[in-house]
Protein backbone atom coordinates (compact mmCIF):
# COMPACT_ATOMS: atom_id res chain seq x y z
CA UNK A 1 -0.01 -0.01 0.01
CA UNK A 2 1.16 3.49 -0.81
CA UNK A 3 0.40 6.35 1.55
CA UNK A 4 1.27 10.00 1.38
CA UNK A 5 3.71 11.51 3.82
CA UNK A 6 5.01 15.01 4.35
CA UNK A 7 6.41 16.71 1.30
CA UNK A 8 9.92 18.17 1.28
CA UNK A 9 10.27 21.69 2.60
CA UNK A 10 9.34 24.18 -0.09
CA UNK A 11 7.56 21.56 -2.24
CA UNK A 12 4.35 22.82 -3.73
CA UNK A 13 1.57 20.45 -4.66
CA UNK A 14 0.28 20.61 -8.20
CA UNK A 15 -3.26 21.83 -8.77
CA UNK A 16 -4.80 18.58 -10.03
CA UNK A 17 -7.95 18.66 -12.17
CA UNK A 18 -9.61 15.64 -13.77
CA UNK A 19 -12.46 15.02 -16.13
CA UNK A 20 -14.30 11.69 -16.09
CA UNK A 21 -12.64 9.09 -18.24
CA UNK A 22 -15.14 8.64 -21.04
CA UNK A 23 -16.68 5.40 -22.19
CA UNK A 24 -15.52 4.67 -25.74
CA UNK A 25 -18.55 2.85 -27.03
CA UNK A 26 -18.99 5.69 -29.53
CA UNK A 27 -17.55 9.03 -30.66
CA UNK A 28 -17.70 12.03 -28.28
CA UNK A 29 -20.62 14.47 -28.34
CA UNK A 30 -21.27 17.95 -26.94
CA UNK A 31 -21.83 16.66 -23.42
CA UNK A 32 -18.37 15.10 -23.23
CA UNK A 33 -16.80 18.24 -24.70
CA UNK A 34 -18.65 20.46 -22.22
CA UNK A 35 -17.04 18.84 -19.19
CA UNK A 36 -13.64 18.65 -20.88
CA UNK A 37 -13.62 22.30 -21.91
CA UNK A 38 -14.61 23.25 -18.35
CA UNK A 39 -11.65 21.26 -17.02
CA UNK A 40 -9.35 22.86 -19.55
CA UNK A 41 -10.49 26.40 -18.68
CA UNK A 42 -10.07 25.70 -14.97
CA UNK A 43 -6.60 24.25 -15.54
CA UNK A 44 -5.52 27.11 -17.80
CA UNK A 45 -6.83 29.62 -15.26
CA UNK A 46 -4.65 28.18 -12.52
CA UNK A 47 -1.68 28.08 -14.89
CA UNK A 48 -2.35 31.73 -15.63
CA UNK A 49 -2.05 32.29 -11.88
CA UNK A 50 1.46 30.87 -12.09
CA UNK A 51 0.59 27.60 -10.33
CA UNK A 52 1.85 24.13 -11.16
CA UNK A 53 -1.07 22.30 -12.72
CA UNK A 54 -1.85 18.71 -13.71
CA UNK A 55 -4.87 18.19 -15.97
CA UNK A 56 -5.97 14.61 -16.64
CA UNK A 57 -8.48 13.17 -19.04
CA UNK A 58 -8.77 9.80 -20.73
CA UNK A 59 -10.96 6.87 -21.70
CA UNK A 60 -12.70 4.03 -19.88
CA UNK A 61 -12.29 0.94 -22.04
CA UNK A 62 -13.48 -2.12 -20.11
CA UNK A 63 -16.90 -3.53 -19.30
CA UNK A 64 -19.83 -5.28 -20.86
CA UNK A 65 -21.04 -2.32 -22.90
CA UNK A 66 -17.70 -1.98 -24.69
CA UNK A 67 -17.58 -5.70 -25.34
CA UNK A 68 -21.07 -5.72 -26.85
CA UNK A 69 -20.37 -2.64 -28.99
CA UNK A 70 -17.17 -4.15 -30.32
CA UNK A 71 -18.91 -7.45 -31.07
CA UNK A 72 -21.68 -5.61 -32.95
CA UNK A 73 -18.99 -3.98 -35.08
CA UNK A 74 -17.19 -7.23 -35.77
CA UNK A 75 -13.91 -6.36 -34.03
CA UNK A 76 -12.22 -7.17 -30.74
CA UNK A 77 -12.81 -4.84 -27.78
CA UNK A 78 -9.20 -3.66 -27.90
CA UNK A 79 -9.40 -2.94 -31.64
CA UNK A 80 -12.60 -0.98 -31.07
CA UNK A 81 -11.07 1.07 -28.28
CA UNK A 82 -7.88 1.78 -30.24
CA UNK A 83 -9.87 2.96 -33.24
CA UNK A 84 -12.18 5.27 -31.28
CA UNK A 85 -9.42 6.78 -29.15
CA UNK A 86 -7.08 7.53 -32.05
CA UNK A 87 -9.69 8.54 -34.63
CA UNK A 88 -12.31 10.31 -32.51
CA UNK A 89 -11.43 11.19 -28.92
CA UNK A 90 -7.83 12.43 -29.09
CA UNK A 91 -8.36 14.38 -32.34
CA UNK A 92 -11.37 16.20 -30.87
CA UNK A 93 -9.48 17.29 -27.77
CA UNK A 94 -6.69 18.56 -29.97
CA UNK A 95 -9.20 20.39 -32.15
CA UNK A 96 -10.77 22.07 -29.11
CA UNK A 97 -7.36 23.22 -27.82
CA UNK A 98 -7.58 20.97 -24.75
CA UNK A 99 -4.20 21.29 -23.00
CA UNK A 100 -4.29 18.09 -20.93
CA UNK A 101 -1.07 16.93 -19.28
CA UNK A 102 -1.94 13.25 -19.56
CA UNK A 103 -4.40 10.97 -21.31
CA UNK A 104 -5.02 7.76 -19.41
CA UNK A 105 -6.49 4.64 -21.01
CA UNK A 106 -7.72 1.89 -18.71
CA UNK A 107 -6.29 -0.77 -21.02
CA UNK A 108 -2.75 0.51 -20.44
CA UNK A 109 -0.42 -1.67 -18.37
CA UNK A 110 0.51 1.28 -16.12
CA UNK A 111 -3.15 1.26 -15.08
CA UNK A 112 -4.18 -2.40 -15.07
CA UNK A 113 -1.21 -3.54 -12.96
CA UNK A 114 -1.87 -0.89 -10.34
CA UNK A 115 -5.60 -1.68 -10.24
CA UNK A 116 -4.81 -5.30 -9.45
CA UNK A 117 -2.42 -4.23 -6.68
CA UNK A 118 -4.96 -1.86 -5.16
CA UNK A 119 -7.73 -4.47 -5.13
CA UNK A 120 -5.41 -7.22 -3.87
CA UNK A 121 -4.41 -4.96 -1.00
CA UNK A 122 -8.06 -4.39 -0.04
CA UNK A 123 -8.70 -8.14 -0.21
CA UNK A 124 -5.68 -8.89 2.00
CA UNK A 125 -6.98 -6.37 4.56
CA UNK A 126 -10.39 -8.06 4.74
CA UNK A 127 -12.23 -5.26 2.94
CA UNK A 128 -13.42 -7.64 0.20
CA UNK A 129 -15.36 -10.91 0.55
CA UNK A 130 -17.09 -13.42 -1.72
CA UNK A 131 -20.86 -13.54 -2.01
CA UNK A 132 -23.79 -13.85 -4.37
CA UNK A 133 -26.08 -11.22 -5.80
CA UNK A 134 -29.18 -11.00 -7.95
CA UNK A 135 -30.68 -7.73 -9.08
CA UNK A 136 -31.54 -5.35 -11.89
CA UNK A 137 -28.49 -4.23 -13.87
CA UNK A 138 -28.16 -1.45 -16.46
CA UNK A 139 -25.40 -2.22 -18.96
CA UNK A 140 -25.41 1.43 -20.10
CA UNK A 141 -24.59 2.61 -16.57
CA UNK A 142 -22.62 -0.53 -15.75
CA UNK A 143 -24.42 -0.47 -12.42
CA UNK A 144 -26.85 -2.52 -10.36
CA UNK A 145 -29.97 -0.47 -9.70
CA UNK A 146 -32.15 -0.35 -6.61
CA UNK A 147 -35.74 -1.41 -7.32
CA UNK A 148 -37.04 1.94 -6.13
CA UNK A 149 -34.97 3.77 -8.77
CA UNK A 150 -36.53 1.99 -11.75
CA UNK A 151 -39.20 3.40 -14.03
CA UNK A 152 -42.24 1.56 -15.35
CA UNK A 153 -41.95 0.99 -19.08
CA UNK A 154 -44.55 2.13 -21.55
CA UNK A 155 -45.25 1.38 -25.21
CA UNK A 156 -42.71 -1.09 -26.54
CA UNK A 157 -41.34 -1.46 -23.00
CA UNK A 158 -44.68 -1.99 -21.28
CA UNK A 159 -44.41 -4.37 -18.35
CA UNK A 160 -40.64 -3.90 -18.08
CA UNK A 161 -38.55 -1.89 -15.63
CA UNK A 162 -36.39 0.83 -17.10
CA UNK A 163 -33.12 2.49 -16.07
CA UNK A 164 -33.95 6.08 -15.02
CA UNK A 165 -30.91 7.41 -16.92
CA UNK A 166 -31.03 5.49 -20.19
CA UNK A 167 -34.81 4.79 -20.27
CA UNK A 168 -34.06 1.24 -21.43
CA UNK A 169 -35.00 -2.09 -19.79
CA UNK A 170 -32.63 -3.39 -17.14
CA UNK A 171 -31.38 -6.96 -17.09
CA UNK A 172 -31.80 -9.22 -14.07
CA UNK A 173 -28.37 -10.59 -13.27
CA UNK A 174 -27.53 -13.36 -10.85
CA UNK A 175 -23.91 -14.26 -10.23
CA UNK A 176 -21.33 -15.01 -7.60
CA UNK A 177 -19.19 -11.92 -7.04
CA UNK A 178 -16.68 -10.36 -4.72
CA UNK A 179 -17.97 -7.50 -2.58
CA UNK A 180 -16.36 -4.41 -1.07
CA UNK A 181 -17.65 -3.54 2.40
CA UNK A 182 -19.11 -0.21 1.33
CA UNK A 183 -21.84 -0.43 3.97
CA UNK A 184 -19.23 0.16 6.67
CA UNK A 185 -18.33 3.59 5.31
CA UNK A 186 -21.66 5.37 5.50
CA UNK A 187 -21.00 7.19 8.78
CA UNK A 188 -17.43 8.11 7.74
CA UNK A 189 -18.73 9.55 4.47
CA UNK A 190 -21.43 11.55 6.20
CA UNK A 191 -18.82 12.94 8.61
CA UNK A 192 -16.70 13.94 5.63
CA UNK A 193 -19.61 15.72 3.97
CA UNK A 194 -20.45 17.50 7.20
CA UNK A 195 -16.90 18.67 7.84
CA UNK A 196 -16.34 19.70 4.20
CA UNK A 197 -19.54 21.32 2.86
CA UNK A 198 -17.86 22.10 -0.48
CA UNK A 199 -16.72 18.53 -1.06
CA UNK A 200 -19.71 17.94 -3.36
CA UNK A 201 -20.96 20.69 -5.63
CA UNK A 202 -23.46 22.08 -6.42
CA UNK A 203 -25.50 22.07 -3.21
CA UNK A 204 -28.38 20.23 -4.87
CA UNK A 205 -25.98 17.44 -5.80
CA UNK A 206 -24.59 17.37 -2.28
CA UNK A 207 -28.06 17.04 -0.80
CA UNK A 208 -28.88 14.16 -3.13
CA UNK A 209 -25.76 12.25 -2.13
CA UNK A 210 -26.20 12.91 1.60
CA UNK A 211 -29.81 11.69 1.49
CA UNK A 212 -28.77 8.58 -0.43
CA UNK A 213 -26.05 7.68 2.08
CA UNK A 214 -28.35 8.33 5.06
CA UNK A 215 -30.72 5.65 3.75
CA UNK A 216 -27.93 3.10 4.28
CA UNK A 217 -25.34 1.77 1.86
CA UNK A 218 -25.20 -1.75 0.49
CA UNK A 219 -21.93 -3.58 -0.01
CA UNK A 220 -20.60 -3.09 -3.54
CA UNK A 221 -20.17 -5.91 -6.02
CA UNK A 222 -16.67 -5.34 -7.32
CA UNK A 223 -16.31 -8.23 -9.77
CA UNK A 224 -18.15 -9.82 -12.66
CA UNK A 225 -17.90 -13.42 -13.84
CA UNK A 226 -20.27 -13.50 -16.82
CA UNK A 227 -17.83 -11.88 -19.28
CA UNK A 228 -14.06 -11.45 -19.48
CA UNK A 229 -13.41 -7.96 -20.94
CA UNK A 230 -11.84 -6.36 -17.90
CA UNK A 231 -8.95 -6.44 -15.47
CA UNK A 232 -8.73 -9.96 -13.93
CA UNK A 233 -9.23 -10.28 -10.19
CA UNK A 234 -5.68 -11.20 -9.15
CA UNK A 235 -6.59 -14.00 -6.74
CA UNK A 236 -9.44 -15.43 -8.87
CA UNK A 237 -9.05 -14.99 -12.62
CA UNK A 238 -12.53 -16.35 -13.34
CA UNK A 239 -13.65 -12.84 -12.34
CA UNK A 240 -12.89 -9.45 -13.75
CA UNK A 241 -12.88 -6.28 -11.64
CA UNK A 242 -16.06 -4.22 -11.78
CA UNK A 243 -15.58 -1.54 -14.40
CA UNK A 244 -16.31 1.36 -12.04
CA UNK A 245 -13.67 0.23 -9.52
CA UNK A 246 -11.26 -0.10 -12.42
CA UNK A 247 -12.24 3.31 -13.84
CA UNK A 248 -12.16 5.36 -10.64
CA UNK A 249 -8.62 4.23 -9.92
CA UNK A 250 -7.38 6.08 -12.99
CA UNK A 251 -7.17 9.22 -10.86
CA UNK A 252 -4.47 7.46 -8.81
CA UNK A 253 -2.75 5.30 -11.41
CA UNK A 254 -2.26 8.20 -13.83
CA UNK A 255 -0.19 10.13 -11.28
CA UNK A 256 2.10 7.33 -10.21
CA UNK A 257 0.27 5.24 -7.59
CA UNK A 258 2.64 2.42 -6.51
CA UNK A 259 4.96 3.35 -9.40
CA UNK A 260 6.25 6.93 -9.12
CA UNK A 261 6.17 8.01 -5.46
CA UNK A 262 7.50 11.50 -6.13
CA UNK A 263 4.83 12.25 -8.72
CA UNK A 264 2.14 10.76 -6.54
CA UNK A 265 3.21 12.79 -3.52
CA UNK A 266 3.26 16.05 -5.47
CA UNK A 267 -0.07 15.55 -7.25
CA UNK A 268 -2.54 13.22 -5.50
CA UNK A 269 -5.33 13.67 -4.48
CA UNK A 270 -7.17 15.75 -7.07
CA UNK A 271 -8.18 19.27 -6.14
CA UNK A 272 -11.24 18.96 -8.38
CA UNK A 273 -12.95 16.01 -10.03
CA UNK A 274 -15.31 17.30 -12.71
CA UNK A 275 -18.08 14.80 -13.44
CA UNK A 276 -21.50 14.58 -15.05
CA UNK A 277 -24.30 14.45 -12.50
CA UNK A 278 -25.33 10.96 -13.65
CA UNK A 279 -22.01 9.57 -12.36
CA UNK A 280 -21.88 11.66 -9.19
CA UNK A 281 -22.58 8.80 -6.74
CA UNK A 282 -19.62 6.79 -8.00
CA UNK A 283 -17.31 9.73 -7.36
CA UNK A 284 -18.84 11.05 -4.15
CA UNK A 285 -19.54 7.68 -2.44
CA UNK A 286 -17.60 4.76 -3.90
CA UNK A 287 -14.38 6.60 -4.71
CA UNK A 288 -13.88 8.23 -1.31
CA UNK A 289 -14.81 4.99 0.45
CA UNK A 290 -12.19 3.11 -1.54
CA UNK A 291 -9.59 5.72 -0.62
CA UNK A 292 -10.57 5.57 3.06
CA UNK A 293 -10.21 1.81 3.01
CA UNK A 294 -6.71 2.19 1.55
CA UNK A 295 -5.65 4.99 3.90
CA UNK A 296 -5.23 7.49 1.07
CA UNK A 297 -6.24 11.16 1.12
CA UNK A 298 -9.55 12.22 -0.38
CA UNK A 299 -10.02 14.71 -3.23
CA UNK A 300 -10.77 18.32 -2.46
CA UNK A 301 -13.97 18.62 -4.45
CA UNK A 302 -16.30 16.64 -6.68
CA UNK A 303 -18.17 19.05 -8.94
CA UNK A 304 -21.10 17.75 -10.99
CA UNK A 305 -22.13 19.60 -14.10
CA UNK A 306 -25.69 19.42 -15.36
CA UNK A 307 -26.98 17.89 -18.54
CA UNK A 308 -27.00 19.59 -21.90
CA UNK A 309 -30.53 19.55 -23.23
CA UNK A 310 -31.64 19.69 -26.85
CA UNK A 311 -35.38 19.90 -27.43
CA UNK A 312 -35.96 19.05 -23.77
CA UNK A 313 -33.99 15.80 -24.01
CA UNK A 314 -30.69 15.03 -22.29
CA UNK A 315 -27.96 14.91 -24.90
CA UNK A 316 -26.60 11.41 -25.31
CA UNK A 317 -25.63 8.95 -27.97
CA UNK A 318 -28.72 6.87 -27.41
CA UNK A 319 -31.49 9.47 -27.89
CA UNK A 320 -30.27 10.84 -31.24
CA UNK A 321 -29.62 14.34 -29.94
CA UNK A 322 -25.88 13.77 -30.04
CA UNK A 323 -24.50 16.72 -32.02
CA UNK A 324 -20.84 16.67 -32.99
CA UNK A 325 -18.80 19.55 -31.60
CA UNK A 326 -17.30 19.95 -35.08
CA UNK A 327 -20.77 20.82 -36.39
CA UNK A 328 -20.57 23.97 -34.27
CA UNK A 329 -16.86 24.83 -34.45
CA UNK A 330 -16.96 24.77 -38.25
CA UNK A 331 -19.56 27.57 -38.09
CA UNK A 332 -18.73 29.56 -34.95
CA UNK A 333 -15.06 28.79 -34.47
CA UNK A 334 -13.30 26.91 -31.67
CA UNK A 335 -12.85 29.89 -29.31
CA UNK A 336 -16.50 30.87 -29.54
CA UNK A 337 -17.44 27.23 -28.88
CA UNK A 338 -15.27 27.10 -25.76
CA UNK A 339 -16.81 30.36 -24.57
CA UNK A 340 -20.48 29.71 -25.35
CA UNK A 341 -21.38 26.73 -23.20
CA UNK A 342 -19.63 28.08 -20.12
CA UNK A 343 -21.19 31.51 -20.72
CA UNK A 344 -24.72 30.35 -21.51
CA UNK A 345 -25.14 27.66 -18.84
CA UNK A 346 -24.53 27.97 -15.09
CA UNK A 347 -22.09 25.15 -14.30
CA UNK A 348 -23.88 22.56 -12.17
CA UNK A 349 -27.31 23.26 -13.68
CA UNK A 350 -29.01 21.68 -16.67
CA UNK A 351 -28.92 23.94 -19.70
CA UNK A 352 -30.53 24.04 -23.10
CA UNK A 353 -28.59 24.50 -26.29
CA UNK A 354 -29.97 26.05 -29.42
CA UNK A 355 -28.33 27.25 -32.61
CA UNK A 356 -30.31 30.48 -32.41
CA UNK A 357 -29.13 31.29 -28.89
CA UNK A 358 -25.51 30.62 -29.83
CA UNK A 359 -25.84 32.88 -32.89
CA UNK A 360 -27.42 35.69 -30.89
CA UNK A 361 -24.79 35.62 -28.13
CA UNK A 362 -21.96 35.36 -30.65
CA UNK A 363 -23.16 38.42 -32.54
CA UNK A 364 -24.03 40.52 -29.53
CA UNK A 365 -21.27 39.75 -27.06
CA UNK A 366 -18.33 38.42 -29.06
CA UNK A 367 -18.58 40.23 -32.38
CA UNK A 368 -20.22 43.53 -31.37
CA UNK A 369 -19.07 44.09 -27.78
CA UNK A 370 -15.63 42.49 -27.69
CA UNK A 371 -14.40 42.10 -31.27
CA UNK A 372 -15.64 45.50 -32.36
CA UNK A 373 -13.96 47.16 -29.35
CA UNK A 374 -10.61 45.64 -30.28
CA UNK A 375 -10.99 46.69 -33.92
CA UNK A 376 -12.05 50.26 -33.10
CA UNK A 377 -9.22 50.87 -30.68
CA UNK A 378 -6.54 49.54 -33.04
CA UNK A 379 -8.00 51.50 -35.92
CA UNK A 380 -8.03 54.79 -33.96
CA UNK A 381 -4.46 54.35 -32.67
CA UNK A 382 -3.44 53.75 -36.27
CA UNK A 383 -5.41 56.71 -37.61
CA UNK A 384 -4.53 59.31 -35.00
CA UNK A 385 -1.08 58.19 -33.75
CA UNK A 386 0.40 56.30 -36.67
CA UNK A 387 0.01 52.95 -34.88
CA UNK A 388 2.15 53.98 -31.91
CA UNK A 389 0.42 53.67 -28.54
CA UNK A 390 0.37 57.12 -26.97
CA UNK A 391 1.06 57.84 -23.32
CA UNK A 392 -1.82 58.72 -21.04
CA UNK A 393 -1.50 62.41 -20.19
CA UNK A 394 -3.91 62.96 -17.33
CA UNK A 395 -6.40 60.48 -15.95
CA UNK A 396 -9.66 61.97 -14.79
CA UNK A 397 -12.81 60.62 -13.16
CA UNK A 398 -13.79 58.67 -16.26
CA UNK A 399 -10.41 56.93 -16.34
CA UNK A 400 -10.49 56.24 -12.62
CA UNK A 401 -13.84 54.52 -13.11
CA UNK A 402 -12.23 52.23 -15.71
CA UNK A 403 -9.36 51.46 -13.32
CA UNK A 404 -11.83 50.53 -10.63
CA UNK A 405 -13.96 48.50 -13.02
CA UNK A 406 -10.95 46.48 -14.08
CA UNK A 407 -9.85 45.75 -10.53
CA UNK A 408 -13.37 44.56 -9.74
CA UNK A 409 -13.54 42.39 -12.87
CA UNK A 410 -10.19 40.72 -12.10
CA UNK A 411 -11.12 39.97 -8.49
CA UNK A 412 -14.57 38.62 -9.39
CA UNK A 413 -13.39 36.52 -12.31
CA UNK A 414 -10.51 35.05 -10.32
CA UNK A 415 -12.73 34.10 -7.41
CA UNK A 416 -15.59 32.76 -9.48
CA UNK A 417 -13.61 30.78 -12.03
CA UNK A 418 -10.57 29.82 -9.99
CA UNK A 419 -12.29 28.99 -6.71
CA UNK A 420 -16.08 28.69 -7.10
CA UNK A 421 -16.15 26.98 -10.53
CA UNK A 422 -18.72 29.60 -11.49
CA UNK A 423 -17.52 29.89 -15.07
CA UNK A 424 -20.59 31.80 -16.17
CA UNK A 425 -20.21 34.34 -13.37
CA UNK A 426 -16.53 34.86 -14.10
CA UNK A 427 -17.10 35.33 -17.82
CA UNK A 428 -19.91 37.79 -17.13
CA UNK A 429 -17.62 39.82 -14.85
CA UNK A 430 -15.08 40.11 -17.70
CA UNK A 431 -17.69 41.03 -20.27
CA UNK A 432 -19.30 43.57 -17.94
CA UNK A 433 -15.92 45.29 -17.99
CA UNK A 434 -15.81 45.07 -21.80
CA UNK A 435 -19.22 46.78 -21.87
CA UNK A 436 -17.89 49.43 -19.49
CA UNK A 437 -14.99 50.20 -21.79
CA UNK A 438 -17.33 50.41 -24.78
CA UNK A 439 -19.48 52.82 -22.82
CA UNK A 440 -16.40 54.88 -21.92
CA UNK A 441 -15.43 55.27 -25.60
CA UNK A 442 -18.98 56.18 -26.55
CA UNK A 443 -19.09 58.87 -23.84
CA UNK A 444 -15.61 60.24 -24.51
CA UNK A 445 -16.12 60.39 -28.30
CA UNK A 446 -12.44 60.23 -29.34
CA UNK A 447 -13.40 60.85 -32.98
CA UNK A 448 -14.66 64.27 -31.92
CA UNK A 449 -11.75 64.95 -29.58
CA UNK A 450 -9.43 64.26 -32.52
CA UNK A 451 -10.71 67.39 -34.25
CA UNK A 452 -9.19 69.49 -31.44
CA UNK A 453 -5.59 69.89 -32.65
CA UNK A 454 -4.44 71.83 -29.57
CA UNK A 455 -1.95 70.26 -27.17
CA UNK A 456 -4.76 69.82 -24.70
CA UNK A 457 -6.89 68.04 -27.29
CA UNK A 458 -4.07 65.75 -28.34
CA UNK A 459 -3.35 64.90 -24.71
CA UNK A 460 -7.00 64.09 -24.09
CA UNK A 461 -7.17 61.84 -27.17
CA UNK A 462 -3.98 60.07 -26.09
CA UNK A 463 -5.46 59.42 -22.63
CA UNK A 464 -8.66 57.97 -24.06
CA UNK A 465 -6.92 55.62 -26.46
CA UNK A 466 -4.29 54.53 -23.95
CA UNK A 467 -7.08 53.74 -21.45
CA UNK A 468 -8.90 51.63 -24.02
CA UNK A 469 -5.75 49.77 -25.15
CA UNK A 470 -4.61 49.10 -21.58
CA UNK A 471 -8.09 47.75 -20.82
CA UNK A 472 -7.78 45.37 -23.77
CA UNK A 473 -4.37 44.24 -22.48
CA UNK A 474 -6.07 43.05 -19.29
CA UNK A 475 -8.99 41.50 -21.14
CA UNK A 476 -6.57 39.44 -23.27
CA UNK A 477 -5.04 38.01 -20.09
CA UNK A 478 -8.40 37.27 -18.47
CA UNK A 479 -9.87 35.60 -21.53
CA UNK A 480 -6.77 33.60 -22.45
CA UNK A 481 -7.83 30.48 -20.49
CA UNK A 482 -11.23 30.59 -22.18
CA UNK A 483 -10.41 31.74 -25.73
CA UNK A 484 -6.66 31.23 -26.25
CA UNK A 485 -6.55 31.79 -30.00
CA UNK A 486 -8.34 35.16 -30.11
CA UNK A 487 -6.59 36.30 -26.94
CA UNK A 488 -3.23 35.71 -28.62
CA UNK A 489 -4.39 37.65 -31.68
CA UNK A 490 -5.35 40.58 -29.47
CA UNK A 491 -2.03 40.37 -27.59
CA UNK A 492 -0.22 40.49 -30.90
CA UNK A 493 -2.36 43.39 -32.09
CA UNK A 494 -1.41 45.41 -29.01
CA UNK A 495 2.29 44.73 -29.55
CA UNK A 496 2.38 43.60 -25.92
CA UNK A 497 4.86 40.76 -26.20
CA UNK A 498 7.75 43.07 -27.03
CA UNK A 499 7.63 44.61 -23.54
CA UNK A 500 5.57 42.28 -21.36
CA UNK A 501 6.55 38.87 -22.69
CA UNK A 502 4.32 35.99 -23.75
CA UNK A 503 0.64 35.96 -22.97
CA UNK A 504 1.05 32.67 -21.09
CA UNK A 505 3.45 34.38 -18.68
CA UNK A 506 0.97 37.07 -17.66
CA UNK A 507 -0.60 36.51 -14.25
CA UNK A 508 -4.32 36.80 -13.62
CA UNK A 509 -3.72 38.42 -10.26
CA UNK A 510 -1.60 41.13 -11.92
CA UNK A 511 -4.01 41.82 -14.76
CA UNK A 512 -5.73 44.59 -12.81
CA UNK A 513 -2.52 46.50 -12.12
CA UNK A 514 -3.01 49.63 -14.20
CA UNK A 515 -0.38 50.89 -16.61
CA UNK A 516 1.44 47.67 -17.47
CA UNK A 517 1.24 48.25 -21.21
CA UNK A 518 3.95 50.84 -21.96
CA UNK A 519 3.47 53.72 -24.37
CA UNK A 520 5.31 53.44 -27.63
CA UNK A 521 4.14 49.92 -28.48
CA UNK A 522 3.21 49.32 -32.10
CA UNK A 523 -0.52 48.64 -32.30
CA UNK A 524 -1.76 46.97 -35.46
CA UNK A 525 -5.24 46.19 -36.66
CA UNK A 526 -5.15 42.47 -37.27
CA UNK A 527 -7.83 40.11 -38.55
CA UNK A 528 -11.31 40.51 -37.14
CA UNK A 529 -11.49 38.45 -33.92
CA UNK A 530 -15.04 37.25 -34.50
CA UNK A 531 -16.08 37.42 -38.15
CA UNK A 532 -19.66 37.89 -39.19
CA UNK A 533 -21.47 34.58 -39.26
CA UNK A 534 -22.49 33.02 -42.52
CA UNK A 535 -25.99 31.64 -42.91
CA UNK A 536 -26.71 28.55 -40.84
CA UNK A 537 -25.72 25.51 -42.87
CA UNK A 538 -28.54 23.24 -43.93
CA UNK A 539 -28.43 19.50 -43.61
């Protein structure tokens, strides 16, 4: 067994963020991308703070559902997984600018060997025993269901019991399995939830888990013997390890559990596990109980995002509302895609997607408010000062209001995105500042001030345009974790790298310090950040 001890003096733990590892029975859809983009933005935000960060994603490749999908496609499970990972999952994350530090696959030896060691250790300690079980099982969830959770089927499924998540009939399974003594951890889990109110987010999710645990936990079947696509139970190879036990352990095996002690010490446990709400119980009940049994530290937070809804239906592969992210990025662009879902939907709540809403927000907020601001400022610096950023001559009340607005935006965005996982609130704080700068330009009317050729007029014009450009410098830093491509274009347009260095080296906490962009920089009007949208493509 591996336990964590004190780190060396001066050692700083990495900020560790994970997504779920996704089931590779099909190609990824918007729901998978939503969680992954959120993890990427959170990771990039903490990197922009200057912190050491470890961002993990990957794929879950064992279990009955994978085996059946592969069989239906006439290939082996491993061939199916290899094809999907290399042709669908990894290319999409690259396309969406996902800057993950690792990609774990549960069929990798670095994972399967450690899973066997972990489970063997629990067995040797008496935490696992052999028993029998019969009950309703959903292959889609890879989970036994409680009778009270099931829905009554209608229509083609009349007289059958349905999984509440997949709305498909469950199977009644009866087999001899090995069980983990989950029932003994109910009180310990409740104590953890009580002592750490933020351990499960949002609050509605926390309440659901607490109520479930208070009803009493059953011991967990941790092996299956009716199929063989999985990690063998080390002391009884007629069984394979339950896919969820296998999958959850990726958060430990990927950072060196029982293999790289230094990496494990500096990274584990995760600061934040981002999960879909339909897999919350696995992460908030089973995972911490497994860690308690092994004497390992628990993660800081399990944050459940809501479902993406299309036409009132949860987006999934099975209900035909699965839209490819590329369908949207080809029209709106990758940066706008990354921005939209976190802007339009409060993280943790269900949210509806529509093409019309995306188009309206793109045009209003990205193209008109933000993109147009960047274009106007660059154009006026070019027109009135030959492309050389002028020095601010004398800040007045209007400029002081912008300084204060920026400081407020930085503080709010940093708290909401970096700490509260309120991506929507953080983005709104930044765009409220963008609106404030637009209002400032409208009120100050630099195009009219430019007609005053006196020294006083020139000084006033210089102050207005410096204030606007310096505001954009800060906006580029704040939006870099969310929209890295357009933020870099703005950084380049401002000529900021020549004096301030790379955009990646700018710190969120310093973004509100006024006057960082020095006068004399060459400001150029580059390509439009958010081009006018073409007509919606037709199928």
